[in-house]
Amino acid sequence: MSRVRLFCHAITLLIPAAAISLTLTTGWAQSPTAATPATPPAATTPPATPATPATPTPASPPAAQAPATPPATAQTPATPPPADQKAQVVDPFGEEQTLAPKTVLALKGTANWDSAFDTLTDSLKTLTTFLDKQGVKAAGSSMIVYTSTDDAGFTFLAEIPVEQEPKNLAKDMSVSKSPEGKVLKFVHRGSYDNMDNTYEAITNHLDDKKLEAKDTFIEEYVTDPLKTAEDKLVINVFVPLK
């Protein structure tokens, strides 16, 4: 799994491929056309009888010249394109940020990679249902903090920021602080099944920049995974640095 590789921080080499194309054009010379013999001169015609000169007609006075066309009115400046046609903002990739700690309701959990998304959303649903019963509103986007990973699965904390601490916590729940400190921010858009591609790119970025990450990372769900189609997800990935 790529998230396991992120913990190990290995190096991936990519070998590009190349292609060669060759074009050959051929032309044929055009054969000259044989000259056509000249036509013999026609017989001479006797001169015609001179015509009687016509009586000259007085010339008409010149017509009044039309006034010149006035200059065209200056064109109105073009209307600027609407906002939705402007260049799209590129998501940050490896942007340095500093996370501030937040008070969160957290739930511990474990999952295997095959059912990772279902397990994570079930944990967030459990937290949301508990807060609704307590009458406590969320104060920010839900998060998943990965605390350890291996080839089989991972352990995590599902977290929801709150302004008011809930009471009578259920099993495996706690009120704590979210991660803080210097991180690199990356953005994933689309299905959770494609998260490995994002983590692969993150690992390559760390390798290229010779940066060393801590043994944890955070996913912040910009879109609510309980209400958003999976292929429309937007997830911020925060990688803490040593």
C-alpha atoms as a PDB file:
ATOM      1  CA  MET A   1       0.000   0.000   0.000  1.00  0.00           C
ATOM      2  CA  SER A   2       1.215   3.503  -0.769  1.00  0.00           C
ATOM      3  CA  ARG A   3       0.447   4.691   2.748  1.00  0.00           C
ATOM      4  CA  VAL A   4       2.735   1.943   4.032  1.00  0.00           C
ATOM      5  CA  ARG A   5       5.380   3.197   1.613  1.00  0.00           C
ATOM      6  CA  LEU A   6       4.886   6.725   2.944  1.00  0.00           C
ATOM      7  CA  PHE A   7       5.829   5.432   6.370  1.00  0.00           C
ATOM      8  CA  CYS A   8       8.890   3.703   4.899  1.00  0.00           C
ATOM      9  CA  HIS A   9       9.709   6.657   2.608  1.00  0.00           C
ATOM     10  CA  ALA A  10      11.162   4.562  -0.238  1.00  0.00           C
ATOM     11  CA  ILE A  11      12.266   5.845  -3.668  1.00  0.00           C
ATOM     12  CA  THR A  12      10.452   5.098  -6.921  1.00  0.00           C
ATOM     13  CA  LEU A  13      12.128   5.393 -10.310  1.00  0.00           C
ATOM     14  CA  LEU A  14      10.181   6.072 -13.438  1.00  0.00           C
ATOM     15  CA  ILE A  15      11.534   5.211 -16.871  1.00  0.00           C
ATOM     16  CA  PRO A  16      10.066   7.289 -19.691  1.00  0.00           C
ATOM     17  CA  ALA A  17       9.404   5.798 -23.136  1.00  0.00           C
ATOM     18  CA  ALA A  18      10.377   7.337 -26.520  1.00  0.00           C
ATOM     19  CA  ALA A  19       8.966   7.181 -30.068  1.00  0.00           C
ATOM     20  CA  ILE A  20      10.516   7.861 -33.539  1.00  0.00           C
ATOM     21  CA  SER A  21       8.631   8.756 -36.752  1.00  0.00           C
ATOM     22  CA  LEU A  22       9.954   8.982 -40.399  1.00  0.00           C
ATOM     23  CA  THR A  23       8.204  10.582 -43.440  1.00  0.00           C
ATOM     24  CA  LEU A  24       9.247   9.996 -47.090  1.00  0.00           C
ATOM     25  CA  THR A  25       7.754  11.973 -50.000  1.00  0.00           C
ATOM     26  CA  THR A  26       8.329  11.286 -53.748  1.00  0.00           C
ATOM     27  CA  GLY A  27       7.527  13.442 -56.834  1.00  0.00           C
ATOM     28  CA  TRP A  28       7.485  12.704 -60.534  1.00  0.00           C
ATOM     29  CA  ALA A  29       8.693  15.191 -63.207  1.00  0.00           C
ATOM     30  CA  GLN A  30       6.009  16.457 -65.558  1.00  0.00           C
ATOM     31  CA  SER A  31       6.596  15.722 -69.277  1.00  0.00           C
ATOM     32  CA  PRO A  32       6.890  18.850 -71.492  1.00  0.00           C
ATOM     33  CA  THR A  33       4.003  19.501 -73.869  1.00  0.00           C
ATOM     34  CA  ALA A  34       4.785  19.656 -77.597  1.00  0.00           C
ATOM     35  CA  ALA A  35       4.592  23.135 -79.128  1.00  0.00           C
ATOM     36  CA  THR A  36       1.521  23.869 -81.251  1.00  0.00           C
ATOM     37  CA  PRO A  37       2.314  25.211 -84.773  1.00  0.00           C
ATOM     38  CA  ALA A  38       1.444  28.871 -85.346  1.00  0.00           C
ATOM     39  CA  THR A  39      -1.781  29.719 -87.233  1.00  0.00           C
ATOM     40  CA  PRO A  40      -1.111  31.261 -90.696  1.00  0.00           C
ATOM     41  CA  PRO A  41      -2.033  34.987 -91.022  1.00  0.00           C
ATOM     42  CA  ALA A  42      -5.526  35.789 -92.268  1.00  0.00           C
ATOM     43  CA  ALA A  43      -6.113  37.508 -95.614  1.00  0.00           C
ATOM     44  CA  THR A  44      -5.996  41.335 -95.659  1.00  0.00           C
ATOM     45  CA  THR A  45      -9.422  43.079 -95.681  1.00  0.00           C
ATOM     46  CA  PRO A  46      -9.799  46.301 -97.775  1.00  0.00           C
ATOM     47  CA  PRO A  47     -10.216  49.490 -95.707  1.00  0.00           C
ATOM     48  CA  ALA A  48     -13.756  50.536 -94.889  1.00  0.00           C
ATOM     49  CA  THR A  49     -15.348  53.766 -96.138  1.00  0.00           C
ATOM     50  CA  PRO A  50     -14.710  56.552 -93.600  1.00  0.00           C
ATOM     51  CA  ALA A  51     -17.755  57.379 -91.485  1.00  0.00           C
ATOM     52  CA  THR A  52     -19.384  60.812 -91.352  1.00  0.00           C
ATOM     53  CA  PRO A  53     -18.144  62.654 -88.252  1.00  0.00           C
ATOM     54  CA  ALA A  54     -20.789  63.016 -85.555  1.00  0.00           C
ATOM     55  CA  THR A  55     -21.905  66.411 -84.269  1.00  0.00           C
ATOM     56  CA  PRO A  56     -20.172  67.067 -80.889  1.00  0.00           C
ATOM     57  CA  THR A  57     -22.476  67.177 -77.859  1.00  0.00           C
ATOM     58  CA  PRO A  58     -21.706  69.730 -75.120  1.00  0.00           C
ATOM     59  CA  ALA A  59     -20.379  68.117 -71.971  1.00  0.00           C
ATOM     60  CA  SER A  60     -22.596  68.045 -68.882  1.00  0.00           C
ATOM     61  CA  PRO A  61     -21.391  70.000 -65.817  1.00  0.00           C
ATOM     62  CA  PRO A  62     -19.718  67.811 -63.226  1.00  0.00           C
ATOM     63  CA  ALA A  63     -21.996  66.541 -60.462  1.00  0.00           C
ATOM     64  CA  ALA A  64     -21.533  67.833 -56.934  1.00  0.00           C
ATOM     65  CA  GLN A  65     -19.203  65.589 -54.966  1.00  0.00           C
ATOM     66  CA  ALA A  66     -20.804  63.774 -52.002  1.00  0.00           C
ATOM     67  CA  PRO A  67     -19.370  64.706 -48.600  1.00  0.00           C
ATOM     68  CA  ALA A  68     -16.853  62.329 -47.113  1.00  0.00           C
ATOM     69  CA  THR A  69     -18.154  59.581 -44.808  1.00  0.00           C
ATOM     70  CA  PRO A  70     -17.783  60.630 -41.160  1.00  0.00           C
ATOM     71  CA  PRO A  71     -15.298  58.577 -39.100  1.00  0.00           C
ATOM     72  CA  ALA A  72     -16.665  55.477 -37.394  1.00  0.00           C
ATOM     73  CA  THR A  73     -17.563  55.697 -33.734  1.00  0.00           C
ATOM     74  CA  ALA A  74     -14.973  54.172 -31.392  1.00  0.00           C
ATOM     75  CA  GLN A  75     -15.782  50.562 -30.502  1.00  0.00           C
ATOM     76  CA  THR A  76     -17.010  49.725 -27.011  1.00  0.00           C
ATOM     77  CA  PRO A  77     -14.448  47.650 -25.018  1.00  0.00           C
ATOM     78  CA  ALA A  78     -15.234  43.934 -24.908  1.00  0.00           C
ATOM     79  CA  THR A  79     -17.026  42.630 -21.831  1.00  0.00           C
ATOM     80  CA  PRO A  80     -14.635  40.646 -19.580  1.00  0.00           C
ATOM     81  CA  PRO A  81     -15.306  36.879 -19.421  1.00  0.00           C
ATOM     82  CA  PRO A  82     -17.426  35.612 -16.518  1.00  0.00           C
ATOM     83  CA  ALA A  83     -15.674  34.344 -13.429  1.00  0.00           C
ATOM     84  CA  ASP A  84     -16.340  30.679 -14.235  1.00  0.00           C
ATOM     85  CA  GLN A  85     -14.326  31.016 -17.472  1.00  0.00           C
ATOM     86  CA  LYS A  86     -11.193  32.243 -15.691  1.00  0.00           C
ATOM     87  CA  ALA A  87      -8.217  29.975 -15.178  1.00  0.00           C
ATOM     88  CA  GLN A  88      -8.878  27.319 -12.588  1.00  0.00           C
ATOM     89  CA  VAL A  89      -6.873  27.574  -9.393  1.00  0.00           C
ATOM     90  CA  VAL A  90      -4.432  24.692  -9.011  1.00  0.00           C
ATOM     91  CA  ASP A  91      -4.698  22.741  -5.761  1.00  0.00           C
ATOM     92  CA  PRO A  92      -1.682  23.082  -3.450  1.00  0.00           C
ATOM     93  CA  PHE A  93       0.752  20.187  -3.581  1.00  0.00           C
ATOM     94  CA  GLY A  94       3.390  20.204  -0.869  1.00  0.00           C
ATOM     95  CA  GLU A  95       2.408  23.612   0.517  1.00  0.00           C
ATOM     96  CA  GLU A  96       3.888  24.326   3.959  1.00  0.00           C
ATOM     97  CA  GLN A  97       1.382  25.072   6.704  1.00  0.00           C
ATOM     98  CA  THR A  98       1.211  25.102  10.480  1.00  0.00           C
ATOM     99  CA  LEU A  99      -1.744  23.315  12.053  1.00  0.00           C
ATOM    100  CA  ALA A 100      -3.302  24.771  15.195  1.00  0.00           C
ATOM    101  CA  PRO A 101      -4.696  22.264  17.725  1.00  0.00           C
ATOM    102  CA  LYS A 102      -8.472  21.884  17.970  1.00  0.00           C
ATOM    103  CA  THR A 103     -10.657  20.291  20.612  1.00  0.00           C
ATOM    104  CA  VAL A 104     -12.067  17.116  19.062  1.00  0.00           C
ATOM    105  CA  LEU A 105     -14.264  14.170  19.882  1.00  0.00           C
ATOM    106  CA  ALA A 106     -12.175  11.147  18.892  1.00  0.00           C
ATOM    107  CA  LEU A 107     -12.917   7.466  18.307  1.00  0.00           C
ATOM    108  CA  LYS A 108     -10.198   4.792  18.091  1.00  0.00           C
ATOM    109  CA  GLY A 109     -10.433   2.165  15.396  1.00  0.00           C
ATOM    110  CA  THR A 110      -8.651  -0.440  13.283  1.00  0.00           C
ATOM    111  CA  ALA A 111      -9.275  -1.395   9.663  1.00  0.00           C
ATOM    112  CA  ASN A 112      -7.939  -3.492   6.808  1.00  0.00           C
ATOM    113  CA  TRP A 113      -7.221  -1.946   3.440  1.00  0.00           C
ATOM    114  CA  ASP A 114      -9.948  -3.798   1.539  1.00  0.00           C
ATOM    115  CA  SER A 115     -12.743  -2.206   3.592  1.00  0.00           C
ATOM    116  CA  ALA A 116     -10.913   0.964   4.675  1.00  0.00           C
ATOM    117  CA  PHE A 117     -13.420   3.549   3.436  1.00  0.00           C
ATOM    118  CA  ASP A 118     -16.438   1.715   4.875  1.00  0.00           C
ATOM    119  CA  THR A 119     -14.738   1.416   8.268  1.00  0.00           C
ATOM    120  CA  LEU A 120     -13.748   5.095   8.318  1.00  0.00           C
ATOM    121  CA  THR A 121     -17.197   6.352   7.336  1.00  0.00           C
ATOM    122  CA  ASP A 122     -18.826   4.054   9.924  1.00  0.00           C
ATOM    123  CA  SER A 123     -16.614   5.588  12.625  1.00  0.00           C
ATOM    124  CA  LEU A 124     -17.460   9.122  11.530  1.00  0.00           C
ATOM    125  CA  LYS A 125     -21.153   8.202  11.460  1.00  0.00           C
ATOM    126  CA  THR A 126     -20.888   6.897  15.034  1.00  0.00           C
ATOM    127  CA  LEU A 127     -19.350  10.205  16.164  1.00  0.00           C
ATOM    128  CA  THR A 128     -21.942  12.276  14.286  1.00  0.00           C
ATOM    129  CA  THR A 129     -24.857  10.315  15.742  1.00  0.00           C
ATOM    130  CA  PHE A 130     -23.441  10.667  19.254  1.00  0.00           C
ATOM    131  CA  LEU A 131     -23.009  14.453  18.877  1.00  0.00           C
ATOM    132  CA  ASP A 132     -26.563  14.805  17.522  1.00  0.00           C
ATOM    133  CA  LYS A 133     -27.970  13.009  20.569  1.00  0.00           C
ATOM    134  CA  GLN A 134     -25.930  15.273  22.835  1.00  0.00           C
ATOM    135  CA  GLY A 135     -27.047  18.380  20.975  1.00  0.00           C
ATOM    136  CA  VAL A 136     -23.430  19.307  20.254  1.00  0.00           C
ATOM    137  CA  LYS A 137     -22.605  20.785  16.854  1.00  0.00           C
ATOM    138  CA  ALA A 138     -19.428  20.079  14.897  1.00  0.00           C
ATOM    139  CA  ALA A 139     -16.990  23.003  14.699  1.00  0.00           C
ATOM    140  CA  GLY A 140     -15.094  21.967  11.568  1.00  0.00           C
ATOM    141  CA  SER A 141     -14.383  19.235   9.049  1.00  0.00           C
ATOM    142  CA  SER A 142     -14.055  15.633  10.203  1.00  0.00           C
ATOM    143  CA  MET A 143     -10.578  14.075  10.204  1.00  0.00           C
ATOM    144  CA  ILE A 144      -8.863  10.714  10.166  1.00  0.00           C
ATOM    145  CA  VAL A 145      -5.479  10.497  11.902  1.00  0.00           C
ATOM    146  CA  TYR A 146      -3.486   7.409  10.883  1.00  0.00           C
ATOM    147  CA  THR A 147      -1.414   6.257  13.854  1.00  0.00           C
ATOM    148  CA  SER A 148       0.176   3.139  12.316  1.00  0.00           C
ATOM    149  CA  THR A 149       0.023   1.108   9.084  1.00  0.00           C
ATOM    150  CA  ASP A 150       1.241  -2.205   7.723  1.00  0.00           C
ATOM    151  CA  ASP A 151       0.514  -4.424   4.740  1.00  0.00           C
ATOM    152  CA  ALA A 152      -2.652  -5.834   6.328  1.00  0.00           C
ATOM    153  CA  GLY A 153      -4.277  -2.662   7.644  1.00  0.00           C
ATOM    154  CA  PHE A 154      -3.945   0.313   9.961  1.00  0.00           C
ATOM    155  CA  THR A 155      -4.992   1.922  13.232  1.00  0.00           C
ATOM    156  CA  PHE A 156      -6.577   5.359  13.312  1.00  0.00           C
ATOM    157  CA  LEU A 157      -8.414   8.050  15.212  1.00  0.00           C
ATOM    158  CA  ALA A 158     -11.646   9.414  13.727  1.00  0.00           C
ATOM    159  CA  GLU A 159     -11.987  13.019  14.936  1.00  0.00           C
ATOM    160  CA  ILE A 160     -14.654  15.736  14.748  1.00  0.00           C
ATOM    161  CA  PRO A 161     -13.854  19.252  16.054  1.00  0.00           C
ATOM    162  CA  VAL A 162     -16.287  20.538  18.728  1.00  0.00           C
ATOM    163  CA  GLU A 163     -16.699  23.813  20.595  1.00  0.00           C
ATOM    164  CA  GLN A 164     -18.510  22.186  23.528  1.00  0.00           C
ATOM    165  CA  GLU A 165     -17.223  19.015  25.175  1.00  0.00           C
ATOM    166  CA  PRO A 166     -19.845  16.248  25.133  1.00  0.00           C
ATOM    167  CA  LYS A 167     -20.597  14.184  28.238  1.00  0.00           C
ATOM    168  CA  ASN A 168     -21.059  10.459  28.956  1.00  0.00           C
ATOM    169  CA  LEU A 169     -18.650   9.301  26.278  1.00  0.00           C
ATOM    170  CA  ALA A 170     -19.109   5.877  24.743  1.00  0.00           C
ATOM    171  CA  LYS A 171     -16.460   3.146  24.640  1.00  0.00           C
ATOM    172  CA  ASP A 172     -13.247   4.032  22.740  1.00  0.00           C
ATOM    173  CA  MET A 173     -14.323   7.721  22.619  1.00  0.00           C
ATOM    174  CA  SER A 174     -12.322  10.564  24.103  1.00  0.00           C
ATOM    175  CA  VAL A 175     -12.093  14.356  24.034  1.00  0.00           C
ATOM    176  CA  SER A 176      -8.600  15.398  22.992  1.00  0.00           C
ATOM    177  CA  LYS A 177      -6.617  17.754  20.771  1.00  0.00           C
ATOM    178  CA  SER A 178      -6.068  17.357  17.038  1.00  0.00           C
ATOM    179  CA  PRO A 179      -2.486  17.230  15.656  1.00  0.00           C
ATOM    180  CA  GLU A 180      -0.538  20.481  15.514  1.00  0.00           C
ATOM    181  CA  GLY A 181       2.705  21.807  14.097  1.00  0.00           C
ATOM    182  CA  LYS A 182       4.459  22.125  10.741  1.00  0.00           C
ATOM    183  CA  VAL A 183       2.979  20.039   7.906  1.00  0.00           C
ATOM    184  CA  LEU A 184       2.906  19.790   4.120  1.00  0.00           C
ATOM    185  CA  LYS A 185      -0.551  20.083   2.563  1.00  0.00           C
ATOM    186  CA  PHE A 186      -1.692  17.989  -0.403  1.00  0.00           C
ATOM    187  CA  VAL A 187      -5.179  17.757  -1.967  1.00  0.00           C
ATOM    188  CA  HIS A 188      -6.970  14.651  -3.240  1.00  0.00           C
ATOM    189  CA  ARG A 189     -10.086  14.871  -5.413  1.00  0.00           C
ATOM    190  CA  GLY A 190     -12.221  11.899  -6.361  1.00  0.00           C
ATOM    191  CA  SER A 191     -12.814   8.377  -5.154  1.00  0.00           C
ATOM    192  CA  TYR A 192     -11.164   7.039  -2.012  1.00  0.00           C
ATOM    193  CA  ASP A 193     -10.110   4.035  -4.091  1.00  0.00           C
ATOM    194  CA  ASN A 194      -7.625   6.335  -5.863  1.00  0.00           C
ATOM    195  CA  MET A 195      -6.019   7.587  -2.647  1.00  0.00           C
ATOM    196  CA  ASP A 196      -3.037   5.300  -3.195  1.00  0.00           C
ATOM    197  CA  ASN A 197      -2.115   7.320  -6.303  1.00  0.00           C
ATOM    198  CA  THR A 198      -2.124  10.499  -4.223  1.00  0.00           C
ATOM    199  CA  TYR A 199       0.052   8.935  -1.522  1.00  0.00           C
ATOM    200  CA  GLU A 200       2.432   7.608  -4.175  1.00  0.00           C
ATOM    201  CA  ALA A 201       2.835  11.155  -5.519  1.00  0.00           C
ATOM    202  CA  ILE A 202       3.326  12.466  -1.959  1.00  0.00           C
ATOM    203  CA  THR A 203       6.070   9.919  -1.268  1.00  0.00           C
ATOM    204  CA  ASN A 204       7.837  10.822  -4.525  1.00  0.00           C
ATOM    205  CA  HIS A 205       7.599  14.514  -3.609  1.00  0.00           C
ATOM    206  CA  LEU A 206       9.211  13.882  -0.220  1.00  0.00           C
ATOM    207  CA  ASP A 207      11.970  11.860  -1.879  1.00  0.00           C
ATOM    208  CA  ASP A 208      12.669  14.584  -4.452  1.00  0.00           C
ATOM    209  CA  LYS A 209      12.826  17.289  -1.767  1.00  0.00           C
ATOM    210  CA  LYS A 210      14.800  15.028   0.624  1.00  0.00           C
ATOM    211  CA  LEU A 211      12.232  15.626   3.375  1.00  0.00           C
ATOM    212  CA  GLU A 212      11.587  13.294   6.291  1.00  0.00           C
ATOM    213  CA  ALA A 213       8.007  12.752   7.483  1.00  0.00           C
ATOM    214  CA  LYS A 214       6.815  11.673  10.903  1.00  0.00           C
ATOM    215  CA  ASP A 215       5.185   8.261  11.377  1.00  0.00           C
ATOM    216  CA  THR A 216       1.656   9.673  11.126  1.00  0.00           C
ATOM    217  CA  PHE A 217      -0.502  11.640   8.686  1.00  0.00           C
ATOM    218  CA  ILE A 218      -3.905  13.312   8.676  1.00  0.00           C
ATOM    219  CA  GLU A 219      -6.823  13.321   6.240  1.00  0.00           C
ATOM    220  CA  GLU A 220      -9.260  16.242   6.517  1.00  0.00           C
ATOM    221  CA  TYR A 221     -12.563  15.705   4.728  1.00  0.00           C
ATOM    222  CA  VAL A 222     -13.445  19.022   3.069  1.00  0.00           C
ATOM    223  CA  THR A 223     -16.623  17.391   1.733  1.00  0.00           C
ATOM    224  CA  ASP A 224     -18.726  15.347   4.142  1.00  0.00           C
ATOM    225  CA  PRO A 225     -18.064  11.662   3.265  1.00  0.00           C
ATOM    226  CA  LEU A 226     -21.463  10.722   4.739  1.00  0.00           C
ATOM    227  CA  LYS A 227     -23.349  12.950   2.278  1.00  0.00           C
ATOM    228  CA  THR A 228     -21.040  13.276  -0.752  1.00  0.00           C
ATOM    229  CA  ALA A 229     -20.768  10.845  -3.665  1.00  0.00           C
ATOM    230  CA  GLU A 230     -17.446   9.033  -3.340  1.00  0.00           C
ATOM    231  CA  ASP A 231     -16.176  10.238  -6.730  1.00  0.00           C
ATOM    232  CA  LYS A 232     -16.818  13.853  -5.633  1.00  0.00           C
ATOM    233  CA  LEU A 233     -14.745  13.727  -2.456  1.00  0.00           C
ATOM    234  CA  VAL A 234     -12.248  16.490  -1.635  1.00  0.00           C
ATOM    235  CA  ILE A 235      -9.693  15.481   0.996  1.00  0.00           C
ATOM    236  CA  ASN A 236      -6.769  17.491   2.382  1.00  0.00           C
ATOM    237  CA  VAL A 237      -3.807  15.312   3.307  1.00  0.00           C
ATOM    238  CA  PHE A 238      -1.452  16.766   5.938  1.00  0.00           C
ATOM    239  CA  VAL A 239       1.985  15.203   6.343  1.00  0.00           C
ATOM    240  CA  PRO A 240       3.827  16.261   9.525  1.00  0.00           C
ATOM    241  CA  LEU A 241       7.586  16.738   9.087  1.00  0.00           C
ATOM    242  CA  LYS A 242      10.368  15.850  11.510  1.00  0.00           C
END
